[in-house]
Amino acid sequence: MKHTLGIVFPGQGTQYVGMGKELYEKFDVARNVFSEAGEILKCDIARLCFEGPREALDMTENTQLAVLTVDLAAYKVFEERIALTPKISAGHSLGEYAALAASGAFSFADAFLIVRSRSCFMQEAVPPGKGAIAALIGIRPDIVEDLCHTAQLSGETVEPANYNGPAQIVISGTSSGVQKIIAEAKKNGAKRAVILPISIPCHSHMLTEAAARLEKELSSLIIKPCTIPVISNYNPDMLHSETHTRELLARQLNSPVRWQETIEVMEKAGADTIIEIGPGKTLSALIKRISPNFRTLNIEDLDSLDKAAVYLHDDA
């Protein structure tokens, strides 16, 4: 059976101590990515991923580089072991940088450098403890939008950050604003509300200054044509290109991630199997809720790699 592949890369919030360790130990191509990241960033990224501590791993300036490294290491293993060309790709927030690097839009080295700047700009934009981000589950996005609008009228800073599916939306803003929306969402039928292990209010207007700094940084980045089409978080109707990528990445920082629409674009493009490449299976769970038509696989360790390889063996 022929499979039409889409690939997706997870972002911040999927990190865990030990991520990427099995692939690092088994595959030279994975070790090479960790080595390149360590040399460029002048830090022991492997030790951070494998040993933590969790408190250090959860700091935005560390998290983004650690997850990016694991995403790209897992992608190199996918290339070597699966050896199939995806039809389309995307990444969730930070994961968009992994998707672009995997597609050849810019080098792995440039990806590490620009994400280091991005994470620092984000960390510096909001003092620790001032911002928060939370996932609301089992509540319609339009209800959350209304709750955020009401909170804004009363002086709070809180807004939708990720449209992850028909019944999951992430909110971002000040800690007090997020807590207020959590309480109101529960009154309006939300099944769960979870504060995420992210130290800054991603994809909110609190990061407008960081977005401006990132746009300036991106101006000198060399962008090449994508060998695999990459869907934009900021505008899923647009694919990344030499002309638009800098603007799309800058706007992504303080605008919502439109993940549900991203997956709907993948489906329209003809993908029937989506492989999540990087730590965890968060995106796979979201994809199943968006459309039951996809077969989802993931690659984060030896077991998941073997399962993906077996399923795709007719194409390998």
C-alpha atoms as a PDB file:
ATOM      1  CA  MET A   1       0.000   0.000   0.000  1.00  0.00           C
ATOM      2  CA  LYS A   2       1.304   3.437  -0.927  1.00  0.00           C
ATOM      3  CA  HIS A   3       1.131   6.060   1.799  1.00  0.00           C
ATOM      4  CA  THR A   4       0.985   9.793   1.151  1.00  0.00           C
ATOM      5  CA  LEU A   5       2.970  11.275   4.001  1.00  0.00           C
ATOM      6  CA  GLY A   6       2.730  14.468   5.918  1.00  0.00           C
ATOM      7  CA  ILE A   7       5.228  15.172   8.678  1.00  0.00           C
ATOM      8  CA  VAL A   8       4.815  17.453  11.679  1.00  0.00           C
ATOM      9  CA  PHE A   9       7.239  18.695  14.305  1.00  0.00           C
ATOM     10  CA  PRO A  10       6.240  19.439  17.923  1.00  0.00           C
ATOM     11  CA  GLY A  11       7.247  22.570  19.773  1.00  0.00           C
ATOM     12  CA  GLN A  12       7.594  23.962  23.258  1.00  0.00           C
ATOM     13  CA  GLY A  13       5.619  22.157  25.944  1.00  0.00           C
ATOM     14  CA  THR A  14       6.427  18.653  24.674  1.00  0.00           C
ATOM     15  CA  GLN A  15       9.823  18.475  26.386  1.00  0.00           C
ATOM     16  CA  TYR A  16      10.722  15.813  28.927  1.00  0.00           C
ATOM     17  CA  VAL A  17      13.937  14.689  30.586  1.00  0.00           C
ATOM     18  CA  GLY A  18      15.407  11.823  28.542  1.00  0.00           C
ATOM     19  CA  MET A  19      14.016  12.905  25.172  1.00  0.00           C
ATOM     20  CA  GLY A  20      16.095  11.816  22.203  1.00  0.00           C
ATOM     21  CA  LYS A  21      18.453   9.624  24.255  1.00  0.00           C
ATOM     22  CA  GLU A  22      17.721   6.310  22.524  1.00  0.00           C
ATOM     23  CA  LEU A  23      18.102   7.783  19.045  1.00  0.00           C
ATOM     24  CA  TYR A  24      21.335   9.470  20.136  1.00  0.00           C
ATOM     25  CA  GLU A  25      22.746   6.178  21.402  1.00  0.00           C
ATOM     26  CA  LYS A  26      21.709   4.179  18.333  1.00  0.00           C
ATOM     27  CA  PHE A  27      22.238   6.454  15.317  1.00  0.00           C
ATOM     28  CA  ASP A  28      25.278   8.415  14.197  1.00  0.00           C
ATOM     29  CA  VAL A  29      23.059  10.887  12.322  1.00  0.00           C
ATOM     30  CA  ALA A  30      21.255  11.761  15.558  1.00  0.00           C
ATOM     31  CA  ARG A  31      24.534  12.156  17.460  1.00  0.00           C
ATOM     32  CA  ASN A  32      25.802  14.443  14.727  1.00  0.00           C
ATOM     33  CA  VAL A  33      22.834  16.786  15.181  1.00  0.00           C
ATOM     34  CA  PHE A  34      23.404  16.963  18.949  1.00  0.00           C
ATOM     35  CA  SER A  35      27.108  17.564  18.331  1.00  0.00           C
ATOM     36  CA  GLU A  36      26.425  20.357  15.832  1.00  0.00           C
ATOM     37  CA  ALA A  37      23.955  22.000  18.204  1.00  0.00           C
ATOM     38  CA  GLY A  38      26.415  21.782  21.098  1.00  0.00           C
ATOM     39  CA  GLU A  39      29.245  23.299  19.067  1.00  0.00           C
ATOM     40  CA  ILE A  40      27.144  26.170  17.723  1.00  0.00           C
ATOM     41  CA  LEU A  41      25.396  26.957  20.999  1.00  0.00           C
ATOM     42  CA  LYS A  42      28.465  26.377  23.205  1.00  0.00           C
ATOM     43  CA  CYS A  43      26.514  24.217  25.633  1.00  0.00           C
ATOM     44  CA  ASP A  44      25.965  20.534  26.436  1.00  0.00           C
ATOM     45  CA  ILE A  45      22.545  20.232  24.806  1.00  0.00           C
ATOM     46  CA  ALA A  46      22.630  16.424  25.062  1.00  0.00           C
ATOM     47  CA  ARG A  47      23.071  16.543  28.827  1.00  0.00           C
ATOM     48  CA  LEU A  48      20.204  19.044  29.147  1.00  0.00           C
ATOM     49  CA  CYS A  49      17.888  16.779  27.110  1.00  0.00           C
ATOM     50  CA  PHE A  50      18.910  13.527  28.780  1.00  0.00           C
ATOM     51  CA  GLU A  51      19.489  14.590  32.389  1.00  0.00           C
ATOM     52  CA  GLY A  52      17.695  17.911  32.860  1.00  0.00           C
ATOM     53  CA  PRO A  53      17.023  19.035  35.522  1.00  0.00           C
ATOM     54  CA  ARG A  54      13.404  19.620  34.579  1.00  0.00           C
ATOM     55  CA  GLU A  55      13.416  23.160  35.957  1.00  0.00           C
ATOM     56  CA  ALA A  56      16.239  24.107  33.579  1.00  0.00           C
ATOM     57  CA  LEU A  57      14.670  22.261  30.663  1.00  0.00           C
ATOM     58  CA  ASP A  58      11.396  24.153  31.126  1.00  0.00           C
ATOM     59  CA  MET A  59      12.989  27.600  30.806  1.00  0.00           C
ATOM     60  CA  THR A  60      12.052  28.978  27.384  1.00  0.00           C
ATOM     61  CA  GLU A  61      15.626  29.859  26.396  1.00  0.00           C
ATOM     62  CA  ASN A  62      16.596  26.208  27.011  1.00  0.00           C
ATOM     63  CA  THR A  63      13.378  24.467  25.996  1.00  0.00           C
ATOM     64  CA  GLN A  64      13.248  25.752  22.458  1.00  0.00           C
ATOM     65  CA  LEU A  65      16.814  24.745  21.630  1.00  0.00           C
ATOM     66  CA  ALA A  66      16.430  21.344  23.281  1.00  0.00           C
ATOM     67  CA  VAL A  67      13.184  20.491  21.470  1.00  0.00           C
ATOM     68  CA  LEU A  68      14.554  21.792  18.159  1.00  0.00           C
ATOM     69  CA  THR A  69      17.607  19.554  18.545  1.00  0.00           C
ATOM     70  CA  VAL A  70      15.499  16.476  19.242  1.00  0.00           C
ATOM     71  CA  ASP A  71      13.130  17.312  16.361  1.00  0.00           C
ATOM     72  CA  LEU A  72      16.011  17.564  13.892  1.00  0.00           C
ATOM     73  CA  ALA A  73      17.871  14.529  15.250  1.00  0.00           C
ATOM     74  CA  ALA A  74      14.694  12.456  14.915  1.00  0.00           C
ATOM     75  CA  TYR A  75      14.208  13.791  11.380  1.00  0.00           C
ATOM     76  CA  LYS A  76      17.685  12.648  10.339  1.00  0.00           C
ATOM     77  CA  VAL A  77      16.854   9.199  11.710  1.00  0.00           C
ATOM     78  CA  PHE A  78      13.572   9.275   9.760  1.00  0.00           C
ATOM     79  CA  GLU A  79      15.505  10.139   6.590  1.00  0.00           C
ATOM     80  CA  GLU A  80      17.955   7.291   7.133  1.00  0.00           C
ATOM     81  CA  ARG A  81      15.582   4.577   8.353  1.00  0.00           C
ATOM     82  CA  ILE A  82      12.307   5.338   6.540  1.00  0.00           C
ATOM     83  CA  ALA A  83      13.744   6.987   3.413  1.00  0.00           C
ATOM     84  CA  LEU A  84      10.433   8.340   2.091  1.00  0.00           C
ATOM     85  CA  THR A  85       9.770  11.844   0.829  1.00  0.00           C
ATOM     86  CA  PRO A  86       6.831  13.554   2.549  1.00  0.00           C
ATOM     87  CA  LYS A  87       4.335  15.400   0.394  1.00  0.00           C
ATOM     88  CA  ILE A  88       3.820  18.214   2.892  1.00  0.00           C
ATOM     89  CA  SER A  89       5.000  19.316   6.331  1.00  0.00           C
ATOM     90  CA  ALA A  90       4.327  21.682   9.207  1.00  0.00           C
ATOM     91  CA  GLY A  91       5.507  22.421  12.714  1.00  0.00           C
ATOM     92  CA  HIS A  92       3.660  23.634  15.777  1.00  0.00           C
ATOM     93  CA  SER A  93       5.073  27.034  16.819  1.00  0.00           C
ATOM     94  CA  LEU A  94       8.777  26.321  17.470  1.00  0.00           C
ATOM     95  CA  GLY A  95       8.316  23.161  15.393  1.00  0.00           C
ATOM     96  CA  GLU A  96       7.838  25.347  12.319  1.00  0.00           C
ATOM     97  CA  TYR A  97      11.581  26.075  12.445  1.00  0.00           C
ATOM     98  CA  ALA A  98      12.328  22.344  12.466  1.00  0.00           C
ATOM     99  CA  ALA A  99      10.015  21.846   9.478  1.00  0.00           C
ATOM    100  CA  LEU A 100      11.784  24.602   7.556  1.00  0.00           C
ATOM    101  CA  ALA A 101      15.255  23.287   8.391  1.00  0.00           C
ATOM    102  CA  ALA A 102      14.199  19.761   7.398  1.00  0.00           C
ATOM    103  CA  SER A 103      12.903  21.152   4.095  1.00  0.00           C
ATOM    104  CA  GLY A 104      16.204  22.902   3.381  1.00  0.00           C
ATOM    105  CA  ALA A 105      14.823  26.436   3.668  1.00  0.00           C
ATOM    106  CA  PHE A 106      17.807  27.166   5.904  1.00  0.00           C
ATOM    107  CA  SER A 107      20.608  25.120   7.438  1.00  0.00           C
ATOM    108  CA  PHE A 108      20.451  23.320  10.769  1.00  0.00           C
ATOM    109  CA  ALA A 109      23.148  25.731  11.970  1.00  0.00           C
ATOM    110  CA  ASP A 110      21.015  28.741  11.049  1.00  0.00           C
ATOM    111  CA  ALA A 111      18.011  27.113  12.718  1.00  0.00           C
ATOM    112  CA  PHE A 112      19.901  26.793  16.015  1.00  0.00           C
ATOM    113  CA  LEU A 113      21.129  30.385  15.846  1.00  0.00           C
ATOM    114  CA  ILE A 114      17.799  31.984  14.951  1.00  0.00           C
ATOM    115  CA  VAL A 115      15.903  29.924  17.554  1.00  0.00           C
ATOM    116  CA  ARG A 116      18.453  30.933  20.179  1.00  0.00           C
ATOM    117  CA  SER A 117      17.710  34.574  19.358  1.00  0.00           C
ATOM    118  CA  ARG A 118      13.963  33.900  19.276  1.00  0.00           C
ATOM    119  CA  SER A 119      13.946  32.224  22.667  1.00  0.00           C
ATOM    120  CA  CYS A 120      16.039  34.999  24.234  1.00  0.00           C
ATOM    121  CA  PHE A 121      13.787  37.705  22.785  1.00  0.00           C
ATOM    122  CA  MET A 122      10.741  35.908  24.179  1.00  0.00           C
ATOM    123  CA  GLN A 123      12.299  35.367  27.612  1.00  0.00           C
ATOM    124  CA  GLU A 124      13.401  39.002  27.837  1.00  0.00           C
ATOM    125  CA  ALA A 125      10.019  40.370  26.726  1.00  0.00           C
ATOM    126  CA  VAL A 126       8.119  39.235  29.823  1.00  0.00           C
ATOM    127  CA  PRO A 127       9.518  39.018  33.384  1.00  0.00           C
ATOM    128  CA  PRO A 128       9.378  35.527  34.974  1.00  0.00           C
ATOM    129  CA  GLY A 129       6.039  34.829  36.629  1.00  0.00           C
ATOM    130  CA  LYS A 130       4.187  37.648  34.891  1.00  0.00           C
ATOM    131  CA  GLY A 131       2.858  35.578  31.987  1.00  0.00           C
ATOM    132  CA  ALA A 132       1.162  32.201  31.674  1.00  0.00           C
ATOM    133  CA  ILE A 133      -0.315  29.871  29.088  1.00  0.00           C
ATOM    134  CA  ALA A 134      -3.043  27.269  29.522  1.00  0.00           C
ATOM    135  CA  ALA A 135      -4.888  24.671  27.454  1.00  0.00           C
ATOM    136  CA  LEU A 136      -8.684  24.616  27.684  1.00  0.00           C
ATOM    137  CA  ILE A 137     -10.290  21.328  26.702  1.00  0.00           C
ATOM    138  CA  GLY A 138     -13.899  20.560  25.893  1.00  0.00           C
ATOM    139  CA  ILE A 139     -14.993  24.106  25.113  1.00  0.00           C
ATOM    140  CA  ARG A 140     -15.685  25.778  21.764  1.00  0.00           C
ATOM    141  CA  PRO A 141     -13.136  28.342  20.559  1.00  0.00           C
ATOM    142  CA  ASP A 142     -15.792  31.004  19.992  1.00  0.00           C
ATOM    143  CA  ILE A 143     -16.826  30.815  23.662  1.00  0.00           C
ATOM    144  CA  VAL A 144     -13.197  31.288  24.711  1.00  0.00           C
ATOM    145  CA  GLU A 145     -12.851  34.227  22.339  1.00  0.00           C
ATOM    146  CA  ASP A 146     -15.852  35.886  23.967  1.00  0.00           C
ATOM    147  CA  LEU A 147     -14.467  35.250  27.457  1.00  0.00           C
ATOM    148  CA  CYS A 148     -11.112  36.751  26.461  1.00  0.00           C
ATOM    149  CA  HIS A 149     -12.820  39.797  24.965  1.00  0.00           C
ATOM    150  CA  THR A 150     -14.787  40.386  28.169  1.00  0.00           C
ATOM    151  CA  ALA A 151     -11.620  40.014  30.257  1.00  0.00           C
ATOM    152  CA  GLN A 152      -9.803  42.494  28.010  1.00  0.00           C
ATOM    153  CA  LEU A 153     -12.564  45.064  28.550  1.00  0.00           C
ATOM    154  CA  SER A 154     -11.924  44.794  32.289  1.00  0.00           C
ATOM    155  CA  GLY A 155      -8.214  45.485  31.794  1.00  0.00           C
ATOM    156  CA  GLU A 156      -6.797  41.963  31.621  1.00  0.00           C
ATOM    157  CA  THR A 157      -4.319  40.859  28.973  1.00  0.00           C
ATOM    158  CA  VAL A 158      -5.322  37.410  27.693  1.00  0.00           C
ATOM    159  CA  GLU A 159      -6.087  36.029  24.240  1.00  0.00           C
ATOM    160  CA  PRO A 160      -6.295  32.834  22.170  1.00  0.00           C
ATOM    161  CA  ALA A 161      -2.801  31.541  21.364  1.00  0.00           C
ATOM    162  CA  ASN A 162      -3.314  28.144  19.688  1.00  0.00           C
ATOM    163  CA  TYR A 163      -6.379  26.884  17.847  1.00  0.00           C
ATOM    164  CA  ASN A 164      -5.470  23.243  18.339  1.00  0.00           C
ATOM    165  CA  GLY A 165      -8.764  21.591  17.423  1.00  0.00           C
ATOM    166  CA  PRO A 166     -12.549  21.800  17.594  1.00  0.00           C
ATOM    167  CA  ALA A 167     -12.539  21.430  21.389  1.00  0.00           C
ATOM    168  CA  GLN A 168      -9.072  22.552  22.448  1.00  0.00           C
ATOM    169  CA  ILE A 169      -7.791  26.094  22.526  1.00  0.00           C
ATOM    170  CA  VAL A 170      -4.753  27.502  24.285  1.00  0.00           C
ATOM    171  CA  ILE A 171      -4.893  30.920  25.930  1.00  0.00           C
ATOM    172  CA  SER A 172      -1.960  33.185  26.697  1.00  0.00           C
ATOM    173  CA  GLY A 173      -1.444  36.391  28.637  1.00  0.00           C
ATOM    174  CA  THR A 174      -0.795  37.678  32.134  1.00  0.00           C
ATOM    175  CA  SER A 175      -0.970  35.139  34.931  1.00  0.00           C
ATOM    176  CA  SER A 176      -4.019  36.872  36.408  1.00  0.00           C
ATOM    177  CA  GLY A 177      -5.752  37.022  33.022  1.00  0.00           C
ATOM    178  CA  VAL A 178      -5.169  33.353  32.308  1.00  0.00           C
ATOM    179  CA  GLN A 179      -6.432  32.344  35.764  1.00  0.00           C
ATOM    180  CA  LYS A 180      -9.576  34.441  35.240  1.00  0.00           C
ATOM    181  CA  ILE A 181     -10.323  32.745  31.913  1.00  0.00           C
ATOM    182  CA  ILE A 182      -9.707  29.303  33.415  1.00  0.00           C
ATOM    183  CA  ALA A 183     -12.333  29.994  36.083  1.00  0.00           C
ATOM    184  CA  GLU A 184     -14.822  31.379  33.551  1.00  0.00           C
ATOM    185  CA  ALA A 185     -14.192  28.548  31.077  1.00  0.00           C
ATOM    186  CA  LYS A 186     -15.037  25.956  33.737  1.00  0.00           C
ATOM    187  CA  LYS A 187     -18.293  27.782  34.432  1.00  0.00           C
ATOM    188  CA  ASN A 188     -19.008  27.611  30.682  1.00  0.00           C
ATOM    189  CA  GLY A 189     -18.502  23.874  30.337  1.00  0.00           C
ATOM    190  CA  ALA A 190     -14.763  23.339  29.848  1.00  0.00           C
ATOM    191  CA  LYS A 191     -13.868  19.768  30.830  1.00  0.00           C
ATOM    192  CA  ARG A 192     -10.263  20.555  31.750  1.00  0.00           C
ATOM    193  CA  ALA A 193      -7.947  23.521  32.073  1.00  0.00           C
ATOM    194  CA  VAL A 194      -4.210  22.839  32.245  1.00  0.00           C
ATOM    195  CA  ILE A 195      -1.433  25.359  32.888  1.00  0.00           C
ATOM    196  CA  LEU A 196       1.353  24.420  30.468  1.00  0.00           C
ATOM    197  CA  PRO A 197       5.060  24.109  31.390  1.00  0.00           C
ATOM    198  CA  ILE A 198       6.011  27.201  29.392  1.00  0.00           C
ATOM    199  CA  SER A 199       7.592  30.168  31.099  1.00  0.00           C
ATOM    200  CA  ILE A 200       6.306  32.971  28.838  1.00  0.00           C
ATOM    201  CA  PRO A 201       2.965  33.933  27.210  1.00  0.00           C
ATOM    202  CA  CYS A 202       3.546  32.574  23.689  1.00  0.00           C
ATOM    203  CA  HIS A 203       1.616  33.929  20.693  1.00  0.00           C
ATOM    204  CA  SER A 204       0.174  36.901  22.527  1.00  0.00           C
ATOM    205  CA  HIS A 205       0.546  40.631  22.048  1.00  0.00           C
ATOM    206  CA  MET A 206       2.797  40.641  25.107  1.00  0.00           C
ATOM    207  CA  LEU A 207       5.458  39.467  22.647  1.00  0.00           C
ATOM    208  CA  THR A 208       5.049  42.275  20.120  1.00  0.00           C
ATOM    209  CA  GLU A 209       8.437  43.744  21.030  1.00  0.00           C
ATOM    210  CA  ALA A 210      10.025  40.299  20.721  1.00  0.00           C
ATOM    211  CA  ALA A 211       8.414  39.876  17.292  1.00  0.00           C
ATOM    212  CA  ALA A 212       9.912  43.181  16.130  1.00  0.00           C
ATOM    213  CA  ARG A 213      13.358  42.116  17.330  1.00  0.00           C
ATOM    214  CA  LEU A 214      12.969  38.744  15.620  1.00  0.00           C
ATOM    215  CA  GLU A 215      11.925  40.371  12.347  1.00  0.00           C
ATOM    216  CA  LYS A 216      15.120  42.420  12.373  1.00  0.00           C
ATOM    217  CA  GLU A 217      17.173  39.293  13.108  1.00  0.00           C
ATOM    218  CA  LEU A 218      15.473  37.365  10.301  1.00  0.00           C
ATOM    219  CA  SER A 219      16.291  40.059   7.746  1.00  0.00           C
ATOM    220  CA  SER A 220      19.813  38.682   7.294  1.00  0.00           C
ATOM    221  CA  LEU A 221      18.780  35.004   7.192  1.00  0.00           C
ATOM    222  CA  ILE A 222      19.347  33.303   3.835  1.00  0.00           C
ATOM    223  CA  ILE A 223      16.168  31.504   2.756  1.00  0.00           C
ATOM    224  CA  LYS A 224      16.206  28.816   0.067  1.00  0.00           C
ATOM    225  CA  PRO A 225      13.314  27.049  -1.697  1.00  0.00           C
ATOM    226  CA  CYS A 226      11.647  24.343   0.403  1.00  0.00           C
ATOM    227  CA  THR A 227      12.191  20.800  -0.896  1.00  0.00           C
ATOM    228  CA  ILE A 228       9.115  19.783   1.117  1.00  0.00           C
ATOM    229  CA  PRO A 229       6.218  22.287   1.189  1.00  0.00           C
ATOM    230  CA  VAL A 230       5.824  23.817   4.665  1.00  0.00           C
ATOM    231  CA  ILE A 231       2.460  25.191   5.846  1.00  0.00           C
ATOM    232  CA  SER A 232       2.531  28.457   7.774  1.00  0.00           C
ATOM    233  CA  ASN A 233       1.246  28.661  11.373  1.00  0.00           C
ATOM    234  CA  TYR A 234       0.325  32.301  10.919  1.00  0.00           C
ATOM    235  CA  ASN A 235      -1.599  31.780   7.681  1.00  0.00           C
ATOM    236  CA  PRO A 236      -2.237  28.125   6.772  1.00  0.00           C
ATOM    237  CA  ASP A 237      -3.400  29.185   3.320  1.00  0.00           C
ATOM    238  CA  MET A 238       0.224  30.147   2.587  1.00  0.00           C
ATOM    239  CA  LEU A 239       3.206  27.891   2.031  1.00  0.00           C
ATOM    240  CA  HIS A 240       6.632  29.104   3.048  1.00  0.00           C
ATOM    241  CA  SER A 241       8.795  30.555   0.297  1.00  0.00           C
ATOM    242  CA  GLU A 242      11.935  32.609  -0.198  1.00  0.00           C
ATOM    243  CA  THR A 243       9.711  35.681  -0.412  1.00  0.00           C
ATOM    244  CA  HIS A 244       7.397  35.155   2.570  1.00  0.00           C
ATOM    245  CA  THR A 245       9.202  33.058   5.204  1.00  0.00           C
ATOM    246  CA  ARG A 246      10.783  35.928   7.161  1.00  0.00           C
ATOM    247  CA  GLU A 247       7.463  37.748   7.519  1.00  0.00           C
ATOM    248  CA  LEU A 248       5.555  34.582   8.379  1.00  0.00           C
ATOM    249  CA  LEU A 249       7.999  33.655  11.152  1.00  0.00           C
ATOM    250  CA  ALA A 250       7.980  37.141  12.639  1.00  0.00           C
ATOM    251  CA  ARG A 251       4.178  37.349  12.628  1.00  0.00           C
ATOM    252  CA  GLN A 252       3.915  33.858  14.103  1.00  0.00           C
ATOM    253  CA  LEU A 253       5.506  35.010  17.348  1.00  0.00           C
ATOM    254  CA  ASN A 254       2.667  37.248  18.538  1.00  0.00           C
ATOM    255  CA  SER A 255      -0.230  35.696  16.589  1.00  0.00           C
ATOM    256  CA  PRO A 256      -2.240  32.508  17.181  1.00  0.00           C
ATOM    257  CA  VAL A 257      -1.068  29.147  15.852  1.00  0.00           C
ATOM    258  CA  ARG A 258      -3.885  27.964  13.574  1.00  0.00           C
ATOM    259  CA  TRP A 259      -3.210  24.251  13.952  1.00  0.00           C
ATOM    260  CA  GLN A 260      -6.644  22.899  13.081  1.00  0.00           C
ATOM    261  CA  GLU A 261      -6.559  24.732   9.756  1.00  0.00           C
ATOM    262  CA  THR A 262      -3.012  23.498   9.176  1.00  0.00           C
ATOM    263  CA  ILE A 263      -4.101  19.871   9.443  1.00  0.00           C
ATOM    264  CA  GLU A 264      -7.124  20.540   7.242  1.00  0.00           C
ATOM    265  CA  VAL A 265      -4.744  21.880   4.588  1.00  0.00           C
ATOM    266  CA  MET A 266      -2.690  18.689   4.876  1.00  0.00           C
ATOM    267  CA  GLU A 267      -5.802  16.628   4.317  1.00  0.00           C
ATOM    268  CA  LYS A 268      -6.763  18.674   1.251  1.00  0.00           C
ATOM    269  CA  ALA A 269      -3.228  18.138  -0.079  1.00  0.00           C
ATOM    270  CA  GLY A 270      -3.887  14.388  -0.082  1.00  0.00           C
ATOM    271  CA  ALA A 271      -1.895  13.245   2.949  1.00  0.00           C
ATOM    272  CA  ASP A 272      -3.342  10.105   4.548  1.00  0.00           C
ATOM    273  CA  THR A 273      -0.578   9.347   7.051  1.00  0.00           C
ATOM    274  CA  ILE A 274       1.054  11.902   9.338  1.00  0.00           C
ATOM    275  CA  ILE A 275       4.291  11.224  11.203  1.00  0.00           C
ATOM    276  CA  GLU A 276       5.038  13.309  14.274  1.00  0.00           C
ATOM    277  CA  ILE A 277       8.815  13.698  14.473  1.00  0.00           C
ATOM    278  CA  GLY A 278      10.193  14.735  17.855  1.00  0.00           C
ATOM    279  CA  PRO A 279       9.326  14.364  21.546  1.00  0.00           C
ATOM    280  CA  GLY A 280       5.932  13.014  22.569  1.00  0.00           C
ATOM    281  CA  LYS A 281       2.652  12.385  20.788  1.00  0.00           C
ATOM    282  CA  THR A 282       0.814  15.615  21.572  1.00  0.00           C
ATOM    283  CA  LEU A 283       0.293  16.559  17.927  1.00  0.00           C
ATOM    284  CA  SER A 284      -0.861  13.049  17.007  1.00  0.00           C
ATOM    285  CA  ALA A 285      -3.625  13.285  19.607  1.00  0.00           C
ATOM    286  CA  LEU A 286      -4.688  16.682  18.277  1.00  0.00           C
ATOM    287  CA  ILE A 287      -4.674  15.443  14.679  1.00  0.00           C
ATOM    288  CA  LYS A 288      -6.982  12.538  15.524  1.00  0.00           C
ATOM    289  CA  ARG A 289      -9.489  14.977  17.007  1.00  0.00           C
ATOM    290  CA  ILE A 290      -9.323  17.208  13.946  1.00  0.00           C
ATOM    291  CA  SER A 291      -9.788  14.382  11.429  1.00  0.00           C
ATOM    292  CA  PRO A 292     -10.219  10.632  12.056  1.00  0.00           C
ATOM    293  CA  ASN A 293      -9.164   9.954   8.463  1.00  0.00           C
ATOM    294  CA  PHE A 294      -5.445  10.162   9.201  1.00  0.00           C
ATOM    295  CA  ARG A 295      -3.226   7.334  10.329  1.00  0.00           C
ATOM    296  CA  THR A 296      -0.816   8.893  12.813  1.00  0.00           C
ATOM    297  CA  LEU A 297       2.642   7.615  13.693  1.00  0.00           C
ATOM    298  CA  ASN A 298       5.468   9.152  15.670  1.00  0.00           C
ATOM    299  CA  ILE A 299       9.239   8.934  15.903  1.00  0.00           C
ATOM    300  CA  GLU A 300      10.821   9.793  19.243  1.00  0.00           C
ATOM    301  CA  ASP A 301      12.570   6.571  20.360  1.00  0.00           C
ATOM    302  CA  LEU A 302      13.464   3.093  19.081  1.00  0.00           C
ATOM    303  CA  ASP A 303      10.054   1.561  19.708  1.00  0.00           C
ATOM    304  CA  SER A 304       8.115   4.276  17.884  1.00  0.00           C
ATOM    305  CA  LEU A 305      10.673   4.247  15.058  1.00  0.00           C
ATOM    306  CA  ASP A 306      10.299   0.488  14.606  1.00  0.00           C
ATOM    307  CA  LYS A 307       6.504   0.739  14.554  1.00  0.00           C
ATOM    308  CA  ALA A 308       6.619   3.495  11.923  1.00  0.00           C
ATOM    309  CA  ALA A 309       9.086   1.537   9.799  1.00  0.00           C
ATOM    310  CA  VAL A 310       6.949  -1.610   9.925  1.00  0.00           C
ATOM    311  CA  TYR A 311       3.805   0.252   8.955  1.00  0.00           C
ATOM    312  CA  LEU A 312       5.519   2.024   6.064  1.00  0.00           C
ATOM    313  CA  HIS A 313       7.568  -0.998   4.908  1.00  0.00           C
ATOM    314  CA  ASP A 314       5.724  -1.263   1.583  1.00  0.00           C
ATOM    315  CA  ASP A 315       7.103   2.160   0.661  1.00  0.00           C
ATOM    316  CA  ALA A 316      10.511   1.830   2.298  1.00  0.00           C
END
